[in-house]
C-alpha cells in the first residue's frame, strides 16, 4: 500500500512538473546598466543603449534602476524629452533609489536622469522597446523545447497544438515508466 502511494505521489509530481515545464516564464528583472547601475556614464555616451541593445523587454518585465537617492533620479518621459534632454512632458518621476519600474504595456519607453541636463546629455538615458508578453522583440515565442520561430498565425496554431500534445504525452510516458518500475 505504501509503495502504491509513493508511486501515485511521484506520478502526481511528474505530471505537475511536465505541465509546468510547458509554461513560459515571461517576467524578467533587468538591472539597468548591469553592475554599473544607473549613474553618469562618463566614458561612454551610448552606455545604456549598448546595454539595452541585446536584451528583449516584454510586458510584465521589471527594470531596476540602482542609484543613490539625491544623486540621481529616473524620469519616464516622452520621446521628445528623451531626444532633447528636456522635462516638458514628464510621465512619471522617481526620486528614491533604487527604483523598480514595471513594464506594463508594449511600445517605446524613454527614461532619463533629470537632476541635471549634464547627466542626460552625457548619456544617462535609456530608450527601450517593449513587446507583448507573448512575443519577444525578435518575433519568437518560447515553447516546450526551446524557441519556435513564429511566421504566421497558422504556424502559431500548429506550434500551440504541438505544445499541448507534448504537454499531455510527457506525463503519460512518465506514468507508464513509473508503473513498469
N, C-alpha and C. Protein backbone atom coordinates (compact mmCIF):
# COMPACT_ATOMS: atom_id res chain seq x y z
N UNK A 1 0.82 -1.19 0.00
CA UNK A 1 0.00 0.00 0.00
C UNK A 1 0.87 1.26 0.00
N UNK A 2 1.93 1.28 0.83
CA UNK A 2 2.82 2.44 0.90
C UNK A 2 3.55 2.63 -0.42
N UNK A 3 3.90 1.51 -1.09
CA UNK A 3 4.59 1.59 -2.36
C UNK A 3 3.68 2.22 -3.42
N UNK A 4 2.41 1.85 -3.39
CA UNK A 4 1.44 2.40 -4.33
C UNK A 4 1.24 3.90 -4.09
N UNK A 5 1.19 4.30 -2.83
CA UNK A 5 1.04 5.72 -2.51
C UNK A 5 2.25 6.52 -2.97
N UNK A 6 3.44 5.96 -2.80
CA UNK A 6 4.65 6.65 -3.28
C UNK A 6 4.61 6.80 -4.79
N UNK A 7 4.20 5.74 -5.49
CA UNK A 7 4.11 5.81 -6.95
C UNK A 7 3.10 6.86 -7.38
N UNK A 8 1.96 6.90 -6.72
CA UNK A 8 0.94 7.88 -7.07
C UNK A 8 1.43 9.30 -6.83
N UNK A 9 2.15 9.50 -5.73
CA UNK A 9 2.72 10.83 -5.45
C UNK A 9 3.74 11.20 -6.51
N UNK A 10 4.61 10.26 -6.88
CA UNK A 10 5.60 10.52 -7.91
C UNK A 10 4.92 10.85 -9.24
N UNK A 11 3.88 10.11 -9.55
CA UNK A 11 3.14 10.36 -10.79
C UNK A 11 2.52 11.75 -10.76
N UNK A 12 1.93 12.09 -9.63
CA UNK A 12 1.31 13.40 -9.50
C UNK A 12 2.35 14.51 -9.66
N UNK A 13 3.49 14.41 -8.98
CA UNK A 13 4.53 15.42 -9.09
C UNK A 13 5.11 15.47 -10.51
N UNK A 14 5.29 14.32 -11.14
CA UNK A 14 5.81 14.28 -12.50
C UNK A 14 4.83 14.95 -13.46
N UNK A 15 3.55 14.69 -13.28
CA UNK A 15 2.54 15.30 -14.14
C UNK A 15 2.52 16.81 -13.97
N UNK A 16 2.54 17.26 -12.73
CA UNK A 16 2.56 18.71 -12.47
C UNK A 16 3.83 19.32 -13.06
N UNK A 17 4.95 18.66 -12.87
CA UNK A 17 6.21 19.15 -13.42
C UNK A 17 6.20 19.26 -14.93
N UNK A 18 5.59 18.29 -15.59
CA UNK A 18 5.53 18.34 -17.05
C UNK A 18 4.65 19.49 -17.52
N UNK A 19 3.54 19.69 -16.86
CA UNK A 19 2.68 20.80 -17.25
C UNK A 19 3.36 22.13 -16.98
N UNK A 20 4.06 22.24 -15.87
CA UNK A 20 4.76 23.48 -15.56
C UNK A 20 5.92 23.73 -16.51
N UNK A 21 6.55 22.66 -17.01
CA UNK A 21 7.65 22.84 -17.95
C UNK A 21 7.15 23.41 -19.27
N UNK A 22 5.90 23.22 -19.58
CA UNK A 22 5.33 23.77 -20.79
C UNK A 22 4.96 25.23 -20.66
N UNK A 23 4.88 25.73 -19.43
CA UNK A 23 4.56 27.13 -19.23
C UNK A 23 5.77 27.98 -19.58
N UNK A 24 5.51 29.15 -20.08
CA UNK A 24 6.60 30.03 -20.44
C UNK A 24 6.81 31.03 -19.32
N UNK A 25 8.05 31.14 -18.91
CA UNK A 25 8.39 32.12 -17.89
C UNK A 25 8.57 33.44 -18.62
N UNK A 26 7.76 34.40 -18.30
CA UNK A 26 7.76 35.65 -19.04
C UNK A 26 8.48 36.77 -18.32
N UNK A 27 8.12 37.02 -17.10
CA UNK A 27 8.63 38.21 -16.43
C UNK A 27 10.11 38.08 -16.12
N UNK A 28 10.85 39.08 -16.53
CA UNK A 28 12.29 39.15 -16.25
C UNK A 28 12.54 40.42 -15.46
N UNK A 29 13.58 40.39 -14.65
CA UNK A 29 14.01 41.59 -13.95
C UNK A 29 15.35 42.00 -14.56
N UNK A 30 15.41 43.21 -15.06
CA UNK A 30 16.61 43.73 -15.70
C UNK A 30 17.22 44.81 -14.81
N UNK A 31 18.47 44.63 -14.41
CA UNK A 31 19.19 45.64 -13.66
C UNK A 31 19.78 46.60 -14.70
N UNK A 32 19.21 47.79 -14.78
CA UNK A 32 19.63 48.76 -15.80
C UNK A 32 21.11 49.08 -15.61
N UNK A 33 21.88 48.85 -16.67
CA UNK A 33 23.32 49.11 -16.62
C UNK A 33 24.13 47.99 -16.00
N UNK A 34 23.46 46.89 -15.64
CA UNK A 34 24.16 45.77 -15.02
C UNK A 34 24.80 46.19 -13.70
N UNK A 35 26.02 45.77 -13.47
CA UNK A 35 26.69 46.08 -12.21
C UNK A 35 27.07 47.57 -12.09
N UNK A 36 27.06 48.28 -13.20
CA UNK A 36 27.37 49.71 -13.18
C UNK A 36 26.23 50.51 -12.56
N UNK A 37 25.01 50.03 -12.75
CA UNK A 37 23.85 50.72 -12.19
C UNK A 37 23.43 51.93 -13.01
N UNK A 38 22.66 52.79 -12.40
CA UNK A 38 22.12 54.00 -13.04
C UNK A 38 22.90 55.20 -12.53
N UNK A 39 23.96 55.54 -13.25
CA UNK A 39 24.77 56.71 -12.91
C UNK A 39 25.39 57.27 -14.17
N UNK A 40 26.04 58.39 -14.04
CA UNK A 40 26.61 59.07 -15.20
C UNK A 40 27.66 58.21 -15.88
N UNK A 41 27.44 57.88 -17.16
CA UNK A 41 28.42 57.04 -17.88
C UNK A 41 29.53 57.89 -18.49
N UNK A 42 30.45 58.33 -17.68
CA UNK A 42 31.45 59.32 -18.10
C UNK A 42 32.30 58.88 -19.29
N UNK A 43 32.51 57.60 -19.47
CA UNK A 43 33.40 57.16 -20.54
C UNK A 43 32.68 56.81 -21.84
N UNK A 44 31.36 56.60 -21.79
CA UNK A 44 30.66 56.10 -22.98
C UNK A 44 29.24 56.67 -23.03
N UNK A 45 29.02 57.62 -23.91
CA UNK A 45 27.72 58.29 -24.00
C UNK A 45 26.60 57.34 -24.43
N UNK A 46 26.93 56.25 -25.10
CA UNK A 46 25.91 55.29 -25.54
C UNK A 46 25.84 54.07 -24.62
N UNK A 47 26.36 54.18 -23.41
CA UNK A 47 26.45 53.04 -22.50
C UNK A 47 25.10 52.35 -22.29
N UNK A 48 24.05 53.11 -21.97
CA UNK A 48 22.76 52.49 -21.65
C UNK A 48 22.08 51.90 -22.88
N UNK A 49 22.27 52.53 -24.03
CA UNK A 49 21.71 51.95 -25.26
C UNK A 49 22.48 50.68 -25.64
N UNK A 50 23.79 50.69 -25.43
CA UNK A 50 24.58 49.49 -25.68
C UNK A 50 24.16 48.36 -24.74
N UNK A 51 23.85 48.72 -23.49
CA UNK A 51 23.40 47.73 -22.52
C UNK A 51 22.04 47.14 -22.95
N UNK A 52 21.14 47.98 -23.43
CA UNK A 52 19.77 47.53 -23.77
C UNK A 52 19.71 46.76 -25.10
N UNK A 53 20.59 47.06 -26.02
CA UNK A 53 20.51 46.51 -27.39
C UNK A 53 20.33 44.99 -27.45
N UNK A 54 21.10 44.18 -26.74
CA UNK A 54 20.93 42.73 -26.90
C UNK A 54 19.77 42.14 -26.08
N UNK A 55 19.07 42.95 -25.33
CA UNK A 55 18.02 42.43 -24.45
C UNK A 55 16.63 42.53 -25.08
N UNK A 56 15.78 41.59 -24.69
CA UNK A 56 14.38 41.61 -25.08
C UNK A 56 13.57 42.04 -23.87
N UNK A 57 12.71 43.02 -24.06
CA UNK A 57 11.86 43.51 -22.99
C UNK A 57 10.42 43.20 -23.35
N UNK A 58 9.70 42.58 -22.42
CA UNK A 58 8.31 42.25 -22.66
C UNK A 58 7.44 42.80 -21.54
N UNK A 59 6.17 43.00 -21.84
CA UNK A 59 5.22 43.46 -20.83
C UNK A 59 5.26 42.48 -19.66
N UNK A 60 5.35 43.01 -18.46
CA UNK A 60 5.48 42.19 -17.25
C UNK A 60 6.89 42.19 -16.69
N UNK A 61 7.88 42.54 -17.52
CA UNK A 61 9.26 42.64 -17.05
C UNK A 61 9.39 43.82 -16.10
N UNK A 62 10.48 43.82 -15.34
CA UNK A 62 10.77 44.94 -14.44
C UNK A 62 12.16 45.48 -14.74
N UNK A 63 12.26 46.80 -14.68
CA UNK A 63 13.55 47.47 -14.77
C UNK A 63 13.93 47.92 -13.37
N UNK A 64 15.15 47.64 -12.96
CA UNK A 64 15.63 48.10 -11.66
C UNK A 64 16.73 49.12 -11.92
N UNK A 65 16.48 50.35 -11.50
CA UNK A 65 17.44 51.42 -11.62
C UNK A 65 18.15 51.55 -10.28
N UNK A 66 19.42 51.17 -10.22
CA UNK A 66 20.20 51.24 -8.98
C UNK A 66 20.93 52.57 -8.93
N UNK A 67 20.55 53.41 -7.96
CA UNK A 67 21.20 54.70 -7.79
C UNK A 67 21.01 55.16 -6.35
N UNK A 68 21.80 56.13 -5.96
CA UNK A 68 21.71 56.71 -4.62
C UNK A 68 20.72 57.87 -4.64
N UNK A 69 19.77 57.83 -3.72
CA UNK A 69 18.78 58.90 -3.61
C UNK A 69 19.50 60.25 -3.43
N UNK A 70 19.05 61.24 -4.18
CA UNK A 70 19.64 62.57 -4.10
C UNK A 70 20.77 62.80 -5.08
N UNK A 71 21.39 61.71 -5.55
CA UNK A 71 22.48 61.86 -6.52
C UNK A 71 21.98 61.69 -7.95
N UNK A 72 20.90 60.93 -8.11
CA UNK A 72 20.29 60.69 -9.41
C UNK A 72 18.80 60.52 -9.21
N UNK A 73 18.07 60.47 -10.29
CA UNK A 73 16.66 60.12 -10.27
C UNK A 73 16.33 59.44 -11.59
N UNK A 74 15.07 59.06 -11.76
CA UNK A 74 14.63 58.45 -13.01
C UNK A 74 13.36 59.18 -13.42
N UNK A 75 13.35 59.69 -14.63
CA UNK A 75 12.15 60.29 -15.19
C UNK A 75 11.71 59.45 -16.38
N UNK A 76 10.46 59.04 -16.37
CA UNK A 76 9.89 58.43 -17.56
C UNK A 76 9.34 59.59 -18.38
N UNK A 77 9.79 59.70 -19.63
CA UNK A 77 9.47 60.88 -20.44
C UNK A 77 8.98 60.47 -21.84
N UNK A 78 8.46 61.44 -22.56
CA UNK A 78 8.09 61.26 -23.97
C UNK A 78 9.37 61.30 -24.81
N UNK A 79 9.26 60.83 -26.04
CA UNK A 79 10.42 60.76 -26.93
C UNK A 79 11.09 62.11 -27.13
N UNK A 80 10.30 63.17 -27.25
CA UNK A 80 10.87 64.50 -27.47
C UNK A 80 11.78 64.91 -26.31
N UNK A 81 11.32 64.65 -25.08
CA UNK A 81 12.16 64.96 -23.91
C UNK A 81 13.40 64.09 -23.88
N UNK A 82 13.26 62.85 -24.29
CA UNK A 82 14.40 61.94 -24.35
C UNK A 82 15.44 62.48 -25.34
N UNK A 83 14.97 62.81 -26.54
CA UNK A 83 15.88 63.28 -27.59
C UNK A 83 16.56 64.58 -27.22
N UNK A 84 15.80 65.52 -26.62
CA UNK A 84 16.32 66.86 -26.33
C UNK A 84 16.84 67.04 -24.90
N UNK A 85 16.71 65.99 -24.08
CA UNK A 85 17.09 66.07 -22.66
C UNK A 85 16.37 67.23 -21.97
N UNK A 86 15.07 67.30 -22.21
CA UNK A 86 14.23 68.30 -21.55
C UNK A 86 13.23 67.60 -20.64
N UNK A 87 12.47 68.39 -19.92
CA UNK A 87 11.49 67.83 -18.99
C UNK A 87 10.12 68.48 -19.18
N UNK A 88 9.72 68.65 -20.44
CA UNK A 88 8.44 69.29 -20.75
C UNK A 88 7.26 68.34 -20.61
N UNK A 89 7.47 67.07 -20.89
CA UNK A 89 6.39 66.07 -20.88
C UNK A 89 6.75 64.87 -20.03
N UNK A 90 7.05 65.11 -18.77
CA UNK A 90 7.43 64.03 -17.86
C UNK A 90 6.19 63.20 -17.54
N UNK A 91 6.31 61.89 -17.72
CA UNK A 91 5.20 60.99 -17.42
C UNK A 91 5.20 60.66 -15.93
N UNK A 92 6.37 60.33 -15.41
CA UNK A 92 6.48 59.96 -14.00
C UNK A 92 7.89 60.27 -13.52
N UNK A 93 7.99 60.69 -12.27
CA UNK A 93 9.28 60.99 -11.65
C UNK A 93 9.51 60.04 -10.48
N UNK A 94 10.71 59.47 -10.43
CA UNK A 94 11.12 58.59 -9.33
C UNK A 94 12.37 59.20 -8.70
N UNK A 95 12.33 59.43 -7.40
CA UNK A 95 13.46 60.10 -6.74
C UNK A 95 14.14 59.24 -5.68
N UNK A 96 13.56 58.12 -5.32
CA UNK A 96 14.16 57.27 -4.28
C UNK A 96 14.78 56.04 -4.90
N UNK A 97 16.10 55.92 -4.77
CA UNK A 97 16.78 54.76 -5.31
C UNK A 97 16.80 53.62 -4.32
N UNK A 98 16.81 52.41 -4.78
CA UNK A 98 16.63 52.02 -6.17
C UNK A 98 15.16 52.12 -6.60
N UNK A 99 14.96 52.34 -7.88
CA UNK A 99 13.62 52.41 -8.45
C UNK A 99 13.34 51.14 -9.22
N UNK A 100 12.19 50.55 -8.96
CA UNK A 100 11.75 49.37 -9.71
C UNK A 100 10.57 49.80 -10.57
N UNK A 101 10.73 49.67 -11.87
CA UNK A 101 9.72 50.10 -12.82
C UNK A 101 9.18 48.89 -13.55
N UNK A 102 7.87 48.64 -13.45
CA UNK A 102 7.26 47.50 -14.14
C UNK A 102 6.80 47.93 -15.52
N UNK A 103 7.21 47.17 -16.53
CA UNK A 103 6.81 47.43 -17.90
C UNK A 103 5.43 46.80 -18.12
N UNK A 104 4.39 47.62 -18.10
CA UNK A 104 3.03 47.09 -18.15
C UNK A 104 2.42 47.08 -19.53
N UNK A 105 3.00 47.84 -20.47
CA UNK A 105 2.40 47.88 -21.80
C UNK A 105 3.48 47.91 -22.88
N UNK A 106 3.17 47.34 -24.03
CA UNK A 106 4.14 47.34 -25.12
C UNK A 106 4.31 48.74 -25.70
N UNK A 107 5.41 48.92 -26.40
CA UNK A 107 5.70 50.19 -27.05
C UNK A 107 7.06 50.71 -26.63
N UNK A 108 7.36 51.91 -27.08
CA UNK A 108 8.63 52.53 -26.77
C UNK A 108 8.53 53.24 -25.42
N UNK A 109 9.57 53.10 -24.61
CA UNK A 109 9.64 53.72 -23.30
C UNK A 109 10.97 54.47 -23.19
N UNK A 110 10.90 55.66 -22.58
CA UNK A 110 12.07 56.53 -22.52
C UNK A 110 12.30 56.97 -21.08
N UNK A 111 13.57 56.90 -20.65
CA UNK A 111 13.94 57.26 -19.29
C UNK A 111 15.18 58.14 -19.34
N UNK A 112 15.21 59.14 -18.47
CA UNK A 112 16.39 60.00 -18.35
C UNK A 112 16.64 60.27 -16.87
N UNK A 113 17.87 60.71 -16.57
CA UNK A 113 18.15 61.26 -15.25
C UNK A 113 17.86 62.75 -15.36
N UNK A 114 16.99 63.24 -14.49
CA UNK A 114 16.54 64.61 -14.60
C UNK A 114 17.15 65.58 -13.61
N UNK A 115 18.16 65.16 -12.86
CA UNK A 115 18.76 66.08 -11.89
C UNK A 115 19.56 67.18 -12.55
N UNK A 116 20.14 66.88 -13.69
CA UNK A 116 20.94 67.86 -14.41
C UNK A 116 20.91 67.50 -15.89
N UNK A 117 20.82 68.52 -16.76
CA UNK A 117 20.90 68.25 -18.20
C UNK A 117 22.23 67.62 -18.55
N UNK A 118 23.25 67.89 -17.74
CA UNK A 118 24.57 67.31 -17.98
C UNK A 118 24.50 65.78 -17.94
N UNK A 119 23.72 65.23 -17.01
CA UNK A 119 23.61 63.77 -16.91
C UNK A 119 22.96 63.19 -18.16
N UNK A 120 21.80 63.74 -18.54
CA UNK A 120 21.10 63.23 -19.71
C UNK A 120 21.92 63.44 -20.98
N UNK A 121 22.43 64.65 -21.18
CA UNK A 121 23.24 64.93 -22.37
C UNK A 121 24.51 64.09 -22.40
N UNK A 122 24.98 63.68 -21.25
CA UNK A 122 26.18 62.84 -21.17
C UNK A 122 25.89 61.36 -21.33
N UNK A 123 24.62 61.00 -21.54
CA UNK A 123 24.30 59.60 -21.83
C UNK A 123 23.51 58.87 -20.76
N UNK A 124 23.13 59.54 -19.68
CA UNK A 124 22.35 58.86 -18.65
C UNK A 124 20.88 58.90 -19.05
N UNK A 125 20.60 58.11 -20.09
CA UNK A 125 19.25 57.98 -20.60
C UNK A 125 19.11 56.62 -21.27
N UNK A 126 17.88 56.14 -21.25
CA UNK A 126 17.61 54.78 -21.74
C UNK A 126 16.34 54.78 -22.56
N UNK A 127 16.42 54.18 -23.73
CA UNK A 127 15.27 54.02 -24.62
C UNK A 127 15.12 52.52 -24.89
N UNK A 128 13.91 51.98 -24.66
CA UNK A 128 13.69 50.55 -24.91
C UNK A 128 12.37 50.35 -25.65
N UNK A 129 12.27 49.26 -26.35
CA UNK A 129 11.02 48.85 -26.99
C UNK A 129 10.51 47.63 -26.24
N UNK A 130 9.28 47.72 -25.75
CA UNK A 130 8.66 46.64 -25.00
C UNK A 130 7.67 45.93 -25.91
N UNK A 131 7.79 44.61 -25.97
CA UNK A 131 6.91 43.78 -26.79
C UNK A 131 5.81 43.21 -25.91
N UNK A 132 4.76 42.68 -26.55
CA UNK A 132 3.71 41.97 -25.80
C UNK A 132 4.33 40.83 -25.03
N UNK A 133 3.68 40.39 -23.98
CA UNK A 133 4.19 39.30 -23.16
C UNK A 133 4.27 37.97 -23.87
N UNK A 134 3.58 37.81 -25.03
CA UNK A 134 3.59 36.53 -25.73
C UNK A 134 4.61 36.48 -26.85
N UNK A 135 5.32 37.57 -27.13
CA UNK A 135 6.28 37.59 -28.22
C UNK A 135 7.48 38.43 -27.83
N UNK A 136 8.66 37.93 -28.13
CA UNK A 136 9.86 38.71 -27.86
C UNK A 136 10.10 39.66 -29.03
N UNK A 137 11.04 40.56 -28.90
CA UNK A 137 11.27 41.57 -29.92
C UNK A 137 11.83 40.99 -31.21
N UNK A 138 12.34 39.75 -31.18
CA UNK A 138 12.83 39.17 -32.42
C UNK A 138 11.79 38.30 -33.11
N UNK A 139 10.53 38.35 -32.65
CA UNK A 139 9.45 37.64 -33.33
C UNK A 139 9.34 36.18 -32.97
N UNK A 140 9.94 35.75 -31.87
CA UNK A 140 9.87 34.36 -31.48
C UNK A 140 9.03 34.22 -30.23
N UNK A 141 8.59 33.00 -30.01
CA UNK A 141 7.83 32.72 -28.80
C UNK A 141 8.40 31.46 -28.17
N UNK A 142 8.47 31.41 -26.88
CA UNK A 142 9.03 30.25 -26.21
C UNK A 142 8.14 29.04 -26.37
N UNK A 143 8.71 27.87 -26.35
CA UNK A 143 7.93 26.66 -26.47
C UNK A 143 8.40 25.65 -25.45
N UNK A 144 7.83 24.46 -25.51
CA UNK A 144 8.18 23.42 -24.57
C UNK A 144 9.65 23.04 -24.70
N UNK A 145 10.15 23.00 -25.94
CA UNK A 145 11.54 22.61 -26.16
C UNK A 145 12.31 23.72 -26.85
N UNK A 146 12.39 24.89 -26.22
CA UNK A 146 13.20 25.96 -26.76
C UNK A 146 12.40 27.02 -27.47
N UNK A 147 13.02 27.61 -28.46
CA UNK A 147 12.43 28.74 -29.16
C UNK A 147 11.84 28.26 -30.49
N UNK A 148 10.62 28.68 -30.75
CA UNK A 148 9.95 28.35 -32.00
C UNK A 148 9.74 29.66 -32.74
N UNK A 149 10.20 29.74 -33.98
CA UNK A 149 10.03 30.97 -34.74
C UNK A 149 8.61 31.06 -35.25
N UNK A 150 8.03 32.23 -35.07
CA UNK A 150 6.66 32.48 -35.50
C UNK A 150 6.70 33.17 -36.84
N UNK A 151 6.02 32.59 -37.85
CA UNK A 151 5.97 33.26 -39.13
C UNK A 151 4.55 33.56 -39.57
N UNK A 152 3.57 32.87 -39.03
CA UNK A 152 2.19 33.16 -39.39
C UNK A 152 1.27 32.67 -38.29
N UNK A 153 0.00 33.08 -38.37
CA UNK A 153 -0.95 32.63 -37.36
C UNK A 153 -1.21 31.14 -37.49
N UNK A 154 -1.10 30.59 -38.71
CA UNK A 154 -1.28 29.14 -38.90
C UNK A 154 -0.15 28.39 -38.21
N UNK A 155 1.09 28.89 -38.38
CA UNK A 155 2.24 28.27 -37.70
C UNK A 155 2.05 28.34 -36.19
N UNK A 156 1.56 29.48 -35.72
CA UNK A 156 1.36 29.66 -34.28
C UNK A 156 0.35 28.65 -33.76
N UNK A 157 -0.71 28.41 -34.51
CA UNK A 157 -1.73 27.43 -34.12
C UNK A 157 -1.13 26.03 -34.08
N UNK A 158 -0.32 25.70 -35.08
CA UNK A 158 0.33 24.38 -35.13
C UNK A 158 1.25 24.21 -33.93
N UNK A 159 2.08 25.23 -33.66
CA UNK A 159 3.00 25.14 -32.53
C UNK A 159 2.26 25.05 -31.21
N UNK A 160 1.16 25.77 -31.10
CA UNK A 160 0.35 25.74 -29.88
C UNK A 160 -0.21 24.34 -29.66
N UNK A 161 -0.74 23.74 -30.71
CA UNK A 161 -1.29 22.38 -30.58
C UNK A 161 -0.19 21.36 -30.33
N UNK A 162 0.96 21.54 -30.98
CA UNK A 162 2.08 20.63 -30.76
C UNK A 162 2.52 20.70 -29.30
N UNK A 163 2.60 21.91 -28.76
CA UNK A 163 2.97 22.07 -27.36
C UNK A 163 1.97 21.40 -26.43
N UNK A 164 0.68 21.52 -26.76
CA UNK A 164 -0.36 20.91 -25.94
C UNK A 164 -0.24 19.38 -25.98
N UNK A 165 -0.01 18.83 -27.18
CA UNK A 165 0.12 17.37 -27.32
C UNK A 165 1.33 16.87 -26.55
N UNK A 166 2.46 17.58 -26.69
CA UNK A 166 3.66 17.18 -25.95
C UNK A 166 3.44 17.30 -24.45
N UNK A 167 2.73 18.35 -24.04
CA UNK A 167 2.42 18.52 -22.63
C UNK A 167 1.59 17.40 -22.06
N UNK A 168 0.76 16.79 -22.89
CA UNK A 168 -0.07 15.66 -22.45
C UNK A 168 0.67 14.33 -22.57
N UNK A 169 1.53 14.20 -23.58
CA UNK A 169 2.25 12.94 -23.78
C UNK A 169 3.33 12.70 -22.73
N UNK A 170 4.05 13.74 -22.34
CA UNK A 170 5.13 13.56 -21.37
C UNK A 170 4.64 12.97 -20.05
N UNK A 171 3.55 13.48 -19.46
CA UNK A 171 3.08 12.86 -18.23
C UNK A 171 2.65 11.41 -18.45
N UNK A 172 2.05 11.14 -19.60
CA UNK A 172 1.62 9.77 -19.90
C UNK A 172 2.83 8.84 -19.98
N UNK A 173 3.88 9.27 -20.62
CA UNK A 173 5.11 8.46 -20.71
C UNK A 173 5.70 8.23 -19.32
N UNK A 174 5.72 9.28 -18.50
CA UNK A 174 6.26 9.14 -17.15
C UNK A 174 5.39 8.17 -16.33
N UNK A 175 4.10 8.25 -16.50
CA UNK A 175 3.20 7.34 -15.76
C UNK A 175 3.47 5.89 -16.16
N UNK A 176 3.63 5.66 -17.46
CA UNK A 176 3.91 4.29 -17.94
C UNK A 176 5.22 3.79 -17.37
N UNK A 177 6.23 4.63 -17.38
CA UNK A 177 7.54 4.22 -16.82
C UNK A 177 7.41 3.92 -15.34
N UNK A 178 6.68 4.76 -14.62
CA UNK A 178 6.51 4.55 -13.18
C UNK A 178 5.77 3.24 -12.89
N UNK A 179 4.79 2.92 -13.71
CA UNK A 179 4.04 1.67 -13.50
C UNK A 179 4.88 0.43 -13.81
N UNK A 180 5.85 0.58 -14.69
CA UNK A 180 6.70 -0.52 -15.04
C UNK A 180 7.79 -0.78 -14.01
N UNK A 181 8.06 0.19 -13.17
CA UNK A 181 9.13 0.06 -12.16
C UNK A 181 8.67 -0.86 -11.05
